[in-house]
Amino acid sequence: MWGRAMTDQSKTVTRVDLCEAVYQKVGLSRTESSAFVELVLKEITDCLEKGETVKLSSFGSFMVRKKGQRIGRNPKTGTEVPISPRRVMVFKPSAILKQRINGQHRANGDASKAPQEA
């Protein structure tokens, strides 16, 4: 699943895909794999709901930020509309994930050093 080559079209990875990857790579049954994925997602969701930061090493951090009330504008009519204060979820990728996405991942695991140019 995650080892396939990049193509022009991107694929959306679903819960089913994650469960299948756990089934294939960990060796749990499909039922156990599904329960495992659901448990991990529930734990992340519960922590975020409480306002906690979820930091996954070499992946990134999920955080909840508070946004204050502000004035927005209806794009059709131009009328000003108040936008209520709310909490939003933010994901900040780690430097390692950013490097991997940009094809700078090193085979020896040392992604901290940029390639030298001549």
N, C-alpha and C. Protein backbone atom coordinates (compact mmCIF):
# COMPACT_ATOMS: atom_id res chain seq x y z
N MET A 1 0.82 -1.19 0.00
CA MET A 1 0.00 0.00 0.00
C MET A 1 0.86 1.25 0.00
N TRP A 2 1.75 1.43 0.99
CA TRP A 2 2.50 2.66 1.09
C TRP A 2 3.81 2.59 0.34
N GLY A 3 4.17 1.42 -0.18
CA GLY A 3 5.43 1.28 -0.87
C GLY A 3 5.31 1.49 -2.37
N ARG A 4 4.13 1.80 -2.86
CA ARG A 4 3.96 1.94 -4.30
C ARG A 4 4.55 3.25 -4.81
N ALA A 5 4.86 3.25 -6.11
CA ALA A 5 5.47 4.43 -6.73
C ALA A 5 4.45 5.56 -6.86
N MET A 6 4.95 6.78 -6.87
CA MET A 6 4.08 7.95 -7.03
C MET A 6 3.53 7.98 -8.45
N THR A 7 2.28 8.36 -8.59
CA THR A 7 1.67 8.50 -9.90
C THR A 7 1.14 9.91 -10.02
N ASP A 8 0.65 10.27 -11.20
CA ASP A 8 0.09 11.60 -11.41
C ASP A 8 -1.18 11.81 -10.60
N GLN A 9 -1.93 10.74 -10.38
CA GLN A 9 -3.17 10.86 -9.62
C GLN A 9 -2.90 10.45 -8.18
N SER A 10 -3.41 11.27 -7.24
CA SER A 10 -3.24 10.91 -5.84
C SER A 10 -4.41 10.06 -5.39
N LYS A 11 -4.16 9.22 -4.41
CA LYS A 11 -5.19 8.34 -3.86
C LYS A 11 -5.47 8.77 -2.44
N THR A 12 -6.70 8.70 -2.05
CA THR A 12 -7.07 8.98 -0.68
C THR A 12 -6.97 7.68 0.10
N VAL A 13 -6.20 7.69 1.17
CA VAL A 13 -6.06 6.52 2.03
C VAL A 13 -7.18 6.56 3.06
N THR A 14 -7.93 5.47 3.14
CA THR A 14 -9.08 5.40 4.03
C THR A 14 -8.77 4.53 5.25
N ARG A 15 -9.74 4.46 6.16
CA ARG A 15 -9.61 3.57 7.32
C ARG A 15 -9.42 2.13 6.87
N VAL A 16 -10.14 1.75 5.85
CA VAL A 16 -10.05 0.39 5.32
C VAL A 16 -8.63 0.12 4.84
N ASP A 17 -8.01 1.09 4.16
CA ASP A 17 -6.63 0.94 3.70
C ASP A 17 -5.67 0.79 4.87
N LEU A 18 -5.87 1.59 5.92
CA LEU A 18 -5.02 1.49 7.10
C LEU A 18 -5.17 0.13 7.77
N CYS A 19 -6.41 -0.34 7.89
CA CYS A 19 -6.66 -1.65 8.48
C CYS A 19 -6.00 -2.75 7.67
N GLU A 20 -6.09 -2.65 6.36
CA GLU A 20 -5.48 -3.66 5.48
C GLU A 20 -3.95 -3.64 5.62
N ALA A 21 -3.37 -2.45 5.75
CA ALA A 21 -1.91 -2.35 5.93
C ALA A 21 -1.48 -3.01 7.23
N VAL A 22 -2.23 -2.77 8.31
CA VAL A 22 -1.92 -3.41 9.59
C VAL A 22 -2.06 -4.93 9.44
N TYR A 23 -3.12 -5.37 8.78
CA TYR A 23 -3.34 -6.80 8.56
C TYR A 23 -2.16 -7.42 7.81
N GLN A 24 -1.72 -6.76 6.72
CA GLN A 24 -0.66 -7.30 5.87
C GLN A 24 0.71 -7.26 6.55
N LYS A 25 1.00 -6.16 7.27
CA LYS A 25 2.36 -5.96 7.77
C LYS A 25 2.58 -6.40 9.21
N VAL A 26 1.53 -6.41 10.02
CA VAL A 26 1.68 -6.78 11.43
C VAL A 26 1.30 -8.23 11.67
N GLY A 27 0.32 -8.70 10.89
CA GLY A 27 -0.07 -10.09 11.03
C GLY A 27 -1.27 -10.33 11.94
N LEU A 28 -1.91 -9.25 12.37
CA LEU A 28 -3.14 -9.42 13.14
C LEU A 28 -4.25 -9.86 12.19
N SER A 29 -5.33 -10.39 12.74
CA SER A 29 -6.47 -10.74 11.90
C SER A 29 -7.09 -9.44 11.39
N ARG A 30 -7.95 -9.55 10.40
CA ARG A 30 -8.60 -8.34 9.87
C ARG A 30 -9.45 -7.65 10.96
N THR A 31 -10.12 -8.45 11.78
CA THR A 31 -10.93 -7.90 12.87
C THR A 31 -10.06 -7.18 13.88
N GLU A 32 -8.95 -7.82 14.26
CA GLU A 32 -8.03 -7.20 15.22
C GLU A 32 -7.37 -5.96 14.63
N SER A 33 -7.03 -6.00 13.35
CA SER A 33 -6.42 -4.85 12.68
C SER A 33 -7.37 -3.67 12.67
N SER A 34 -8.63 -3.94 12.37
CA SER A 34 -9.65 -2.89 12.35
C SER A 34 -9.82 -2.29 13.75
N ALA A 35 -9.88 -3.15 14.76
CA ALA A 35 -10.03 -2.68 16.14
C ALA A 35 -8.82 -1.85 16.57
N PHE A 36 -7.63 -2.26 16.15
CA PHE A 36 -6.41 -1.54 16.48
C PHE A 36 -6.41 -0.14 15.88
N VAL A 37 -6.73 -0.05 14.59
CA VAL A 37 -6.77 1.26 13.91
C VAL A 37 -7.82 2.15 14.57
N GLU A 38 -8.99 1.61 14.84
CA GLU A 38 -10.05 2.39 15.49
C GLU A 38 -9.61 2.89 16.87
N LEU A 39 -8.91 2.03 17.62
CA LEU A 39 -8.43 2.41 18.95
C LEU A 39 -7.44 3.57 18.87
N VAL A 40 -6.50 3.50 17.93
CA VAL A 40 -5.52 4.56 17.76
C VAL A 40 -6.20 5.87 17.37
N LEU A 41 -7.12 5.81 16.41
CA LEU A 41 -7.83 7.02 15.98
C LEU A 41 -8.69 7.60 17.11
N LYS A 42 -9.31 6.74 17.90
CA LYS A 42 -10.12 7.21 19.02
C LYS A 42 -9.26 7.90 20.07
N GLU A 43 -8.11 7.34 20.35
CA GLU A 43 -7.20 7.94 21.34
C GLU A 43 -6.74 9.32 20.87
N ILE A 44 -6.38 9.44 19.60
CA ILE A 44 -5.97 10.74 19.05
C ILE A 44 -7.13 11.73 19.15
N THR A 45 -8.32 11.29 18.75
CA THR A 45 -9.51 12.15 18.80
C THR A 45 -9.82 12.60 20.21
N ASP A 46 -9.78 11.67 21.17
CA ASP A 46 -10.07 12.01 22.57
C ASP A 46 -9.09 13.04 23.12
N CYS A 47 -7.81 12.87 22.79
CA CYS A 47 -6.80 13.83 23.25
C CYS A 47 -7.03 15.21 22.66
N LEU A 48 -7.33 15.26 21.37
CA LEU A 48 -7.58 16.55 20.71
C LEU A 48 -8.84 17.21 21.26
N GLU A 49 -9.86 16.41 21.54
CA GLU A 49 -11.10 16.93 22.09
C GLU A 49 -10.86 17.62 23.44
N LYS A 50 -9.90 17.08 24.22
CA LYS A 50 -9.55 17.67 25.52
C LYS A 50 -8.59 18.85 25.38
N GLY A 51 -8.18 19.15 24.14
CA GLY A 51 -7.28 20.27 23.91
C GLY A 51 -5.81 19.91 24.02
N GLU A 52 -5.50 18.63 24.10
CA GLU A 52 -4.12 18.18 24.21
C GLU A 52 -3.46 18.14 22.84
N THR A 53 -2.14 18.33 22.81
CA THR A 53 -1.38 18.20 21.57
C THR A 53 -0.97 16.74 21.41
N VAL A 54 -1.11 16.21 20.20
CA VAL A 54 -0.69 14.84 19.89
C VAL A 54 0.55 14.94 19.02
N LYS A 55 1.69 14.53 19.55
CA LYS A 55 2.96 14.62 18.83
C LYS A 55 3.43 13.21 18.49
N LEU A 56 3.57 12.94 17.20
CA LEU A 56 4.03 11.65 16.72
C LEU A 56 5.43 11.85 16.12
N SER A 57 6.43 11.33 16.78
CA SER A 57 7.81 11.51 16.37
C SER A 57 8.00 11.11 14.90
N SER A 58 8.76 11.91 14.17
CA SER A 58 9.07 11.70 12.75
C SER A 58 7.84 11.84 11.85
N PHE A 59 6.71 12.23 12.40
CA PHE A 59 5.49 12.40 11.60
C PHE A 59 4.99 13.83 11.70
N GLY A 60 4.62 14.26 12.91
CA GLY A 60 4.14 15.62 13.10
C GLY A 60 3.28 15.75 14.33
N SER A 61 2.70 16.93 14.49
CA SER A 61 1.89 17.22 15.67
C SER A 61 0.50 17.70 15.26
N PHE A 62 -0.50 17.18 15.98
CA PHE A 62 -1.87 17.64 15.85
C PHE A 62 -2.15 18.54 17.04
N MET A 63 -2.66 19.74 16.79
CA MET A 63 -2.94 20.68 17.88
C MET A 63 -4.31 21.30 17.69
N VAL A 64 -4.89 21.73 18.79
CA VAL A 64 -6.15 22.45 18.74
C VAL A 64 -5.84 23.90 19.08
N ARG A 65 -6.28 24.81 18.22
CA ARG A 65 -6.06 26.23 18.45
C ARG A 65 -7.40 26.92 18.61
N LYS A 66 -7.41 27.94 19.46
CA LYS A 66 -8.62 28.73 19.63
C LYS A 66 -8.56 29.93 18.71
N LYS A 67 -9.65 30.16 18.00
CA LYS A 67 -9.76 31.33 17.13
C LYS A 67 -10.82 32.25 17.71
N GLY A 68 -10.49 33.50 17.81
CA GLY A 68 -11.43 34.47 18.35
C GLY A 68 -12.48 34.88 17.34
N GLN A 69 -13.46 35.62 17.81
CA GLN A 69 -14.50 36.11 16.92
C GLN A 69 -13.90 37.12 15.96
N ARG A 70 -14.39 37.11 14.72
CA ARG A 70 -13.93 38.09 13.73
C ARG A 70 -15.05 38.38 12.76
N ILE A 71 -14.84 39.37 11.95
CA ILE A 71 -15.83 39.74 10.95
C ILE A 71 -15.42 39.15 9.61
N GLY A 72 -16.35 38.40 9.01
CA GLY A 72 -16.15 37.84 7.68
C GLY A 72 -17.03 38.58 6.69
N ARG A 73 -16.94 38.20 5.44
CA ARG A 73 -17.73 38.86 4.42
C ARG A 73 -18.36 37.80 3.52
N ASN A 74 -19.66 37.93 3.26
CA ASN A 74 -20.36 37.05 2.33
C ASN A 74 -19.85 37.38 0.93
N PRO A 75 -19.22 36.43 0.23
CA PRO A 75 -18.65 36.73 -1.09
C PRO A 75 -19.69 37.11 -2.15
N LYS A 76 -20.93 36.64 -2.01
CA LYS A 76 -21.96 36.97 -2.99
C LYS A 76 -22.50 38.38 -2.81
N THR A 77 -22.80 38.72 -1.56
CA THR A 77 -23.47 40.00 -1.30
C THR A 77 -22.53 41.09 -0.77
N GLY A 78 -21.37 40.67 -0.25
CA GLY A 78 -20.45 41.65 0.33
C GLY A 78 -20.84 42.06 1.74
N THR A 79 -21.90 41.48 2.28
CA THR A 79 -22.39 41.81 3.62
C THR A 79 -21.42 41.27 4.67
N GLU A 80 -21.13 42.10 5.68
CA GLU A 80 -20.28 41.65 6.77
C GLU A 80 -21.06 40.71 7.68
N VAL A 81 -20.40 39.64 8.09
CA VAL A 81 -21.04 38.62 8.92
C VAL A 81 -20.09 38.27 10.06
N PRO A 82 -20.57 38.27 11.31
CA PRO A 82 -19.68 37.88 12.41
C PRO A 82 -19.42 36.37 12.38
N ILE A 83 -18.15 36.00 12.58
CA ILE A 83 -17.78 34.59 12.66
C ILE A 83 -17.49 34.30 14.12
N SER A 84 -18.20 33.33 14.70
CA SER A 84 -18.10 33.01 16.12
C SER A 84 -16.72 32.48 16.49
N PRO A 85 -16.34 32.66 17.76
CA PRO A 85 -15.10 32.03 18.22
C PRO A 85 -15.25 30.51 18.15
N ARG A 86 -14.16 29.83 17.86
CA ARG A 86 -14.22 28.37 17.72
C ARG A 86 -12.83 27.79 17.91
N ARG A 87 -12.80 26.47 17.99
CA ARG A 87 -11.53 25.75 18.05
C ARG A 87 -11.31 25.06 16.71
N VAL A 88 -10.07 25.09 16.25
CA VAL A 88 -9.74 24.44 14.98
C VAL A 88 -8.58 23.47 15.21
N MET A 89 -8.56 22.41 14.44
CA MET A 89 -7.49 21.43 14.53
C MET A 89 -6.44 21.78 13.49
N VAL A 90 -5.17 21.74 13.89
CA VAL A 90 -4.06 22.09 13.02
C VAL A 90 -3.07 20.92 13.02
N PHE A 91 -2.52 20.62 11.86
CA PHE A 91 -1.47 19.61 11.77
C PHE A 91 -0.19 20.29 11.32
N LYS A 92 0.89 20.06 12.06
CA LYS A 92 2.19 20.60 11.69
C LYS A 92 3.11 19.42 11.42
N PRO A 93 3.50 19.22 10.16
CA PRO A 93 4.36 18.07 9.84
C PRO A 93 5.76 18.26 10.40
N SER A 94 6.40 17.15 10.74
CA SER A 94 7.78 17.21 11.23
C SER A 94 8.72 17.51 10.06
N ALA A 95 9.94 17.92 10.39
CA ALA A 95 10.95 18.18 9.35
C ALA A 95 11.24 16.91 8.57
N ILE A 96 11.24 15.77 9.26
CA ILE A 96 11.51 14.49 8.58
C ILE A 96 10.41 14.18 7.57
N LEU A 97 9.15 14.39 7.94
CA LEU A 97 8.04 14.15 7.01
C LEU A 97 8.12 15.10 5.82
N LYS A 98 8.43 16.35 6.07
CA LYS A 98 8.56 17.33 4.97
C LYS A 98 9.65 16.89 3.99
N GLN A 99 10.78 16.42 4.53
CA GLN A 99 11.87 15.97 3.66
C GLN A 99 11.47 14.75 2.85
N ARG A 100 10.76 13.82 3.47
CA ARG A 100 10.33 12.62 2.75
C ARG A 100 9.35 12.97 1.64
N ILE A 101 8.43 13.90 1.92
CA ILE A 101 7.46 14.31 0.91
C ILE A 101 8.16 14.95 -0.29
N ASN A 102 9.25 15.65 -0.01
CA ASN A 102 10.00 16.33 -1.07
C ASN A 102 11.11 15.48 -1.65
N GLY A 103 11.12 14.17 -1.35
CA GLY A 103 12.08 13.25 -1.95
C GLY A 103 13.49 13.40 -1.42
N GLN A 104 13.64 13.91 -0.21
CA GLN A 104 14.98 14.11 0.35
C GLN A 104 15.30 13.08 1.42
N HIS A 105 14.53 12.02 1.50
CA HIS A 105 14.76 10.98 2.53
C HIS A 105 16.01 10.22 2.18
N ARG A 106 16.89 10.03 3.16
CA ARG A 106 18.12 9.27 2.95
C ARG A 106 17.93 7.84 3.42
N ALA A 107 18.54 6.92 2.69
CA ALA A 107 18.41 5.50 3.00
C ALA A 107 18.98 5.15 4.36
N ASN A 108 20.02 5.86 4.81
CA ASN A 108 20.63 5.53 6.09
C ASN A 108 19.89 6.16 7.26
N GLY A 109 18.78 6.84 6.98
CA GLY A 109 17.96 7.40 8.04
C GLY A 109 18.41 8.77 8.49
N ASP A 110 19.52 9.29 7.93
CA ASP A 110 20.00 10.61 8.32
C ASP A 110 19.44 11.65 7.37
N ALA A 111 18.25 12.14 7.68
CA ALA A 111 17.59 13.13 6.83
C ALA A 111 17.93 14.54 7.27
N SER A 112 18.78 14.69 8.30
CA SER A 112 19.08 16.01 8.83
C SER A 112 20.08 16.78 7.99
N LYS A 113 20.86 16.09 7.16
CA LYS A 113 21.88 16.76 6.36
C LYS A 113 21.40 16.87 4.92
N ALA A 114 21.41 18.08 4.40
CA ALA A 114 21.00 18.30 3.02
C ALA A 114 22.09 17.82 2.08
N PRO A 115 21.73 17.39 0.85
CA PRO A 115 22.74 16.96 -0.10
C PRO A 115 23.65 18.14 -0.48
N GLN A 116 24.92 17.86 -0.65
CA GLN A 116 25.89 18.89 -1.01
C GLN A 116 25.83 19.14 -2.51
N GLU A 117 25.87 20.42 -2.89
CA GLU A 117 25.88 20.77 -4.31
C GLU A 117 27.28 21.15 -4.72
N ALA A 118 27.68 20.83 -5.96
CA ALA A 118 29.03 21.13 -6.44
C ALA A 118 29.16 22.55 -6.94
